[in-house]
Amino acid sequence: VGLRPKSYTIKVKDGNTYTQVEGGSSATGDILYLKLTDKRYYIKKATKTYSLAPKLKSTPSEESSVTVTPTSETVKILNYTCIKYVVTFSETDKTKSMFIWATKDLKQYNSNSFQTSGLGNQSNTAALKKIDGVPLKIEMTEQGQSVVMEVIELKNAILPANDFVLPLDYKEVPFGQ
């Protein structure tokens, strides 16, 4: 089993998100974000536990160390026109870049939905805040490996409210356990 997840399924309803993580390290588990309380939980089905995640707040220095530049390059992903953004992260001794392809065609979603889905760190959250649209593809190099995440399906469905609640029979444990 590899460390990286094979896929993510993100469900969005009323500002809440539930991210199912398929494959990879089981250390993280699924992620539930509740808009009303502005809290994120990591849910581990194998151990029937959940943990309250620490707040992802970017500092002004983190925000300023992230530059997002839209390009004129476009591509169609799932029939949506996406604009390529070059995202550059400047740290004390190095600079990293990634590419995010985002569309403005999905008016019912916004990039805020994906900031809370657990698919990134504080720097990625700062980058998403600066992108106009919904990311459908992300390309980056991490630990010497090329990583590409691309949306392969979008569908509208009526989602039950209980998809966005903590399981009653799960036990809360400290974050990181």
C-alpha atoms as a PDB file:
ATOM      1  CA  VAL A   1       0.000   0.000   0.000  1.00  0.00           C
ATOM      2  CA  GLY A   2       1.439   3.350  -1.016  1.00  0.00           C
ATOM      3  CA  LEU A   3       1.503   6.378   1.224  1.00  0.00           C
ATOM      4  CA  ARG A   4      -0.454   8.556  -1.215  1.00  0.00           C
ATOM      5  CA  PRO A   5      -4.194   8.152  -1.528  1.00  0.00           C
ATOM      6  CA  LYS A   6      -5.527   6.589  -4.716  1.00  0.00           C
ATOM      7  CA  SER A   7      -8.519   8.929  -4.844  1.00  0.00           C
ATOM      8  CA  TYR A   8     -10.663  11.417  -2.963  1.00  0.00           C
ATOM      9  CA  THR A   9     -14.431  11.799  -3.083  1.00  0.00           C
ATOM     10  CA  ILE A  10     -15.614  15.189  -1.886  1.00  0.00           C
ATOM     11  CA  LYS A  11     -19.248  15.733  -0.965  1.00  0.00           C
ATOM     12  CA  VAL A  12     -20.449  19.320  -0.530  1.00  0.00           C
ATOM     13  CA  LYS A  13     -23.755  20.422   1.016  1.00  0.00           C
ATOM     14  CA  ASP A  14     -24.723  23.748   2.597  1.00  0.00           C
ATOM     15  CA  GLY A  15     -21.072  24.742   3.029  1.00  0.00           C
ATOM     16  CA  ASN A  16     -20.167  21.450   4.739  1.00  0.00           C
ATOM     17  CA  THR A  17     -17.738  19.017   3.136  1.00  0.00           C
ATOM     18  CA  TYR A  18     -17.065  15.322   3.608  1.00  0.00           C
ATOM     19  CA  THR A  19     -13.889  14.025   1.986  1.00  0.00           C
ATOM     20  CA  GLN A  20     -13.551  10.270   1.616  1.00  0.00           C
ATOM     21  CA  VAL A  21      -9.939   9.162   1.225  1.00  0.00           C
ATOM     22  CA  GLU A  22      -9.431   5.944  -0.731  1.00  0.00           C
ATOM     23  CA  GLY A  23      -6.162   4.060  -0.349  1.00  0.00           C
ATOM     24  CA  GLY A  24      -2.820   5.347   0.850  1.00  0.00           C
ATOM     25  CA  SER A  25      -1.731   5.683   4.432  1.00  0.00           C
ATOM     26  CA  SER A  26      -4.599   5.151   6.843  1.00  0.00           C
ATOM     27  CA  ALA A  27      -3.064   7.728   9.186  1.00  0.00           C
ATOM     28  CA  THR A  28      -5.352  10.532   8.038  1.00  0.00           C
ATOM     29  CA  GLY A  29      -8.767   8.990   7.491  1.00  0.00           C
ATOM     30  CA  ASP A  30     -11.793  10.779   6.072  1.00  0.00           C
ATOM     31  CA  ILE A  31     -12.317  14.491   6.709  1.00  0.00           C
ATOM     32  CA  LEU A  32     -15.538  16.179   7.808  1.00  0.00           C
ATOM     33  CA  TYR A  33     -15.816  19.978   7.799  1.00  0.00           C
ATOM     34  CA  LEU A  34     -18.820  21.567   9.513  1.00  0.00           C
ATOM     35  CA  LYS A  35     -19.462  25.137   8.406  1.00  0.00           C
ATOM     36  CA  LEU A  36     -21.697  26.071  11.357  1.00  0.00           C
ATOM     37  CA  THR A  37     -18.928  25.436  13.889  1.00  0.00           C
ATOM     38  CA  ASP A  38     -16.003  26.019  11.461  1.00  0.00           C
ATOM     39  CA  LYS A  39     -14.395  22.759  12.632  1.00  0.00           C
ATOM     40  CA  ARG A  40     -12.638  19.937  10.799  1.00  0.00           C
ATOM     41  CA  TYR A  41     -12.624  16.343  12.001  1.00  0.00           C
ATOM     42  CA  TYR A  42     -10.536  13.383  10.884  1.00  0.00           C
ATOM     43  CA  ILE A  43     -12.608  10.206  10.962  1.00  0.00           C
ATOM     44  CA  LYS A  44     -10.943   6.790  11.081  1.00  0.00           C
ATOM     45  CA  LYS A  45     -13.419   4.088  10.183  1.00  0.00           C
ATOM     46  CA  ALA A  46     -11.038   1.199  10.959  1.00  0.00           C
ATOM     47  CA  THR A  47     -10.739   2.215  14.621  1.00  0.00           C
ATOM     48  CA  LYS A  48     -14.173   3.918  14.902  1.00  0.00           C
ATOM     49  CA  THR A  49     -12.535   7.119  16.170  1.00  0.00           C
ATOM     50  CA  TYR A  50     -12.494  10.794  15.243  1.00  0.00           C
ATOM     51  CA  SER A  51     -10.269  13.761  16.119  1.00  0.00           C
ATOM     52  CA  LEU A  52     -10.810  17.491  16.050  1.00  0.00           C
ATOM     53  CA  ALA A  53      -8.210  18.953  13.691  1.00  0.00           C
ATOM     54  CA  PRO A  54      -6.193  22.007  14.684  1.00  0.00           C
ATOM     55  CA  LYS A  55      -7.218  25.228  12.942  1.00  0.00           C
ATOM     56  CA  LEU A  56      -5.590  25.876   9.577  1.00  0.00           C
ATOM     57  CA  LYS A  57      -4.875  29.571   9.836  1.00  0.00           C
ATOM     58  CA  SER A  58      -2.283  31.030   7.555  1.00  0.00           C
ATOM     59  CA  THR A  59      -0.150  33.788   8.945  1.00  0.00           C
ATOM     60  CA  PRO A  60       0.424  37.039   7.031  1.00  0.00           C
ATOM     61  CA  SER A  61       3.950  35.848   6.219  1.00  0.00           C
ATOM     62  CA  GLU A  62       2.604  32.568   4.794  1.00  0.00           C
ATOM     63  CA  GLU A  63       0.055  34.464   2.705  1.00  0.00           C
ATOM     64  CA  SER A  64       2.685  36.869   1.374  1.00  0.00           C
ATOM     65  CA  SER A  65       5.075  34.002   0.587  1.00  0.00           C
ATOM     66  CA  VAL A  66       2.471  32.578  -1.820  1.00  0.00           C
ATOM     67  CA  THR A  67       2.077  34.163  -5.241  1.00  0.00           C
ATOM     68  CA  VAL A  68      -0.632  33.114  -7.663  1.00  0.00           C
ATOM     69  CA  THR A  69      -0.354  34.175 -11.299  1.00  0.00           C
ATOM     70  CA  PRO A  70      -3.074  33.401 -13.838  1.00  0.00           C
ATOM     71  CA  THR A  71      -1.816  32.528 -17.318  1.00  0.00           C
ATOM     72  CA  SER A  72      -3.525  32.743 -20.704  1.00  0.00           C
ATOM     73  CA  GLU A  73      -3.277  28.956 -21.045  1.00  0.00           C
ATOM     74  CA  THR A  74      -6.594  27.078 -20.937  1.00  0.00           C
ATOM     75  CA  VAL A  75      -7.634  23.449 -21.119  1.00  0.00           C
ATOM     76  CA  LYS A  76     -10.964  21.607 -21.059  1.00  0.00           C
ATOM     77  CA  ILE A  77     -11.486  19.307 -18.068  1.00  0.00           C
ATOM     78  CA  LEU A  78     -14.844  17.518 -17.969  1.00  0.00           C
ATOM     79  CA  ASN A  79     -16.071  20.040 -20.581  1.00  0.00           C
ATOM     80  CA  TYR A  80     -15.268  22.995 -18.305  1.00  0.00           C
ATOM     81  CA  THR A  81     -12.807  25.626 -19.476  1.00  0.00           C
ATOM     82  CA  CYS A  82      -9.997  25.850 -16.942  1.00  0.00           C
ATOM     83  CA  ILE A  83      -7.390  28.580 -16.602  1.00  0.00           C
ATOM     84  CA  LYS A  84      -3.868  27.620 -15.573  1.00  0.00           C
ATOM     85  CA  TYR A  85      -2.521  29.344 -12.451  1.00  0.00           C
ATOM     86  CA  VAL A  86       1.148  29.234 -11.501  1.00  0.00           C
ATOM     87  CA  VAL A  87       1.464  29.067  -7.724  1.00  0.00           C
ATOM     88  CA  THR A  88       4.849  29.856  -6.197  1.00  0.00           C
ATOM     89  CA  PHE A  89       5.713  29.242  -2.546  1.00  0.00           C
ATOM     90  CA  SER A  90       8.747  31.157  -1.295  1.00  0.00           C
ATOM     91  CA  GLU A  91      10.392  29.822   1.824  1.00  0.00           C
ATOM     92  CA  THR A  92      13.565  31.029   3.494  1.00  0.00           C
ATOM     93  CA  ASP A  93      15.967  28.966   1.402  1.00  0.00           C
ATOM     94  CA  LYS A  94      13.892  27.571  -1.473  1.00  0.00           C
ATOM     95  CA  THR A  95      11.035  28.192  -3.874  1.00  0.00           C
ATOM     96  CA  LYS A  96       8.445  25.608  -4.929  1.00  0.00           C
ATOM     97  CA  SER A  97       5.915  25.867  -7.731  1.00  0.00           C
ATOM     98  CA  MET A  98       2.715  24.101  -8.595  1.00  0.00           C
ATOM     99  CA  PHE A  99       0.064  24.492 -11.267  1.00  0.00           C
ATOM    100  CA  ILE A 100      -3.637  24.716 -10.542  1.00  0.00           C
ATOM    101  CA  TRP A 101      -6.224  24.530 -13.316  1.00  0.00           C
ATOM    102  CA  ALA A 102      -9.469  26.193 -12.187  1.00  0.00           C
ATOM    103  CA  THR A 103     -12.817  26.924 -13.808  1.00  0.00           C
ATOM    104  CA  LYS A 104     -15.278  29.751 -13.270  1.00  0.00           C
ATOM    105  CA  ASP A 105     -18.009  27.651 -14.930  1.00  0.00           C
ATOM    106  CA  LEU A 106     -19.125  25.948 -11.703  1.00  0.00           C
ATOM    107  CA  LYS A 107     -21.051  28.774 -10.054  1.00  0.00           C
ATOM    108  CA  GLN A 108     -22.591  26.486  -7.408  1.00  0.00           C
ATOM    109  CA  TYR A 109     -19.128  25.832  -5.931  1.00  0.00           C
ATOM    110  CA  ASN A 110     -16.257  28.053  -4.940  1.00  0.00           C
ATOM    111  CA  SER A 111     -12.662  27.437  -3.985  1.00  0.00           C
ATOM    112  CA  ASN A 112     -13.611  27.855  -0.292  1.00  0.00           C
ATOM    113  CA  SER A 113     -15.358  24.469  -0.471  1.00  0.00           C
ATOM    114  CA  PHE A 114     -12.023  22.858  -1.237  1.00  0.00           C
ATOM    115  CA  GLN A 115     -10.020  24.789   1.363  1.00  0.00           C
ATOM    116  CA  THR A 116     -11.919  22.886   4.045  1.00  0.00           C
ATOM    117  CA  SER A 117     -11.768  19.477   2.401  1.00  0.00           C
ATOM    118  CA  GLY A 118      -8.417  18.576   3.955  1.00  0.00           C
ATOM    119  CA  LEU A 119      -6.533  18.413   0.672  1.00  0.00           C
ATOM    120  CA  GLY A 120      -3.747  20.677   1.665  1.00  0.00           C
ATOM    121  CA  ASN A 121      -1.695  22.505   4.166  1.00  0.00           C
ATOM    122  CA  GLN A 122      -1.743  26.145   5.220  1.00  0.00           C
ATOM    123  CA  SER A 123       0.227  27.302   2.179  1.00  0.00           C
ATOM    124  CA  ASN A 124      -2.157  25.495  -0.174  1.00  0.00           C
ATOM    125  CA  THR A 125      -5.087  27.111   1.642  1.00  0.00           C
ATOM    126  CA  ALA A 126      -3.512  30.543   1.116  1.00  0.00           C
ATOM    127  CA  ALA A 127      -3.084  29.737  -2.600  1.00  0.00           C
ATOM    128  CA  LEU A 128      -6.702  28.603  -3.016  1.00  0.00           C
ATOM    129  CA  LYS A 129      -7.915  31.880  -1.522  1.00  0.00           C
ATOM    130  CA  LYS A 130      -6.186  33.711  -4.380  1.00  0.00           C
ATOM    131  CA  ILE A 131      -7.675  31.608  -7.206  1.00  0.00           C
ATOM    132  CA  ASP A 132     -10.818  32.690  -9.011  1.00  0.00           C
ATOM    133  CA  GLY A 133     -12.809  29.520  -9.540  1.00  0.00           C
ATOM    134  CA  VAL A 134     -12.918  25.856  -8.653  1.00  0.00           C
ATOM    135  CA  PRO A 135      -9.719  23.798  -8.988  1.00  0.00           C
ATOM    136  CA  LEU A 136     -10.170  20.766 -11.246  1.00  0.00           C
ATOM    137  CA  LYS A 137      -6.515  19.801 -11.593  1.00  0.00           C
ATOM    138  CA  ILE A 138      -3.408  20.303  -9.458  1.00  0.00           C
ATOM    139  CA  GLU A 139       0.127  19.452 -10.587  1.00  0.00           C
ATOM    140  CA  MET A 140       3.069  19.528  -8.185  1.00  0.00           C
ATOM    141  CA  THR A 141       6.336  17.881  -7.293  1.00  0.00           C
ATOM    142  CA  GLU A 142       6.512  16.547  -3.772  1.00  0.00           C
ATOM    143  CA  GLN A 143       9.536  14.785  -2.302  1.00  0.00           C
ATOM    144  CA  GLY A 144      10.963  14.371  -5.811  1.00  0.00           C
ATOM    145  CA  GLN A 145       7.803  12.797  -7.215  1.00  0.00           C
ATOM    146  CA  SER A 146       5.401  14.329  -9.686  1.00  0.00           C
ATOM    147  CA  VAL A 147       1.862  14.373  -8.268  1.00  0.00           C
ATOM    148  CA  VAL A 148      -1.225  15.127 -10.360  1.00  0.00           C
ATOM    149  CA  MET A 149      -4.698  15.312  -8.855  1.00  0.00           C
ATOM    150  CA  GLU A 150      -7.541  15.743 -11.336  1.00  0.00           C
ATOM    151  CA  VAL A 151     -11.291  15.701 -10.956  1.00  0.00           C
ATOM    152  CA  ILE A 152     -12.621  12.789 -13.002  1.00  0.00           C
ATOM    153  CA  GLU A 153     -16.310  13.160 -12.205  1.00  0.00           C
ATOM    154  CA  LEU A 154     -18.692  15.824 -10.972  1.00  0.00           C
ATOM    155  CA  LYS A 155     -22.296  15.002 -10.258  1.00  0.00           C
ATOM    156  CA  ASN A 156     -25.233  16.617  -8.558  1.00  0.00           C
ATOM    157  CA  ALA A 157     -27.015  14.402  -6.083  1.00  0.00           C
ATOM    158  CA  ILE A 158     -29.309  14.787  -3.120  1.00  0.00           C
ATOM    159  CA  LEU A 159     -27.100  14.071  -0.144  1.00  0.00           C
ATOM    160  CA  PRO A 160     -28.558  12.958   3.168  1.00  0.00           C
ATOM    161  CA  ALA A 161     -27.899  15.264   6.125  1.00  0.00           C
ATOM    162  CA  ASN A 162     -26.386  12.353   8.082  1.00  0.00           C
ATOM    163  CA  ASP A 163     -23.444  12.344   5.622  1.00  0.00           C
ATOM    164  CA  PHE A 164     -22.347  15.497   7.461  1.00  0.00           C
ATOM    165  CA  VAL A 165     -22.490  14.439  11.116  1.00  0.00           C
ATOM    166  CA  LEU A 166     -19.993  12.676  13.351  1.00  0.00           C
ATOM    167  CA  PRO A 167     -20.859   8.987  13.759  1.00  0.00           C
ATOM    168  CA  LEU A 168     -22.555   8.495  17.142  1.00  0.00           C
ATOM    169  CA  ASP A 169     -20.800   5.177  17.823  1.00  0.00           C
ATOM    170  CA  TYR A 170     -17.290   6.623  17.256  1.00  0.00           C
ATOM    171  CA  LYS A 171     -15.024   7.722  20.097  1.00  0.00           C
ATOM    172  CA  GLU A 172     -13.181  11.055  20.127  1.00  0.00           C
ATOM    173  CA  VAL A 173      -9.402  10.768  20.489  1.00  0.00           C
ATOM    174  CA  PRO A 174      -6.709  13.491  20.540  1.00  0.00           C
ATOM    175  CA  PHE A 175      -5.528  14.678  17.121  1.00  0.00           C
ATOM    176  CA  GLY A 176      -2.587  12.661  15.789  1.00  0.00           C
ATOM    177  CA  GLN A 177      -3.594   9.359  17.386  1.00  0.00           C
END
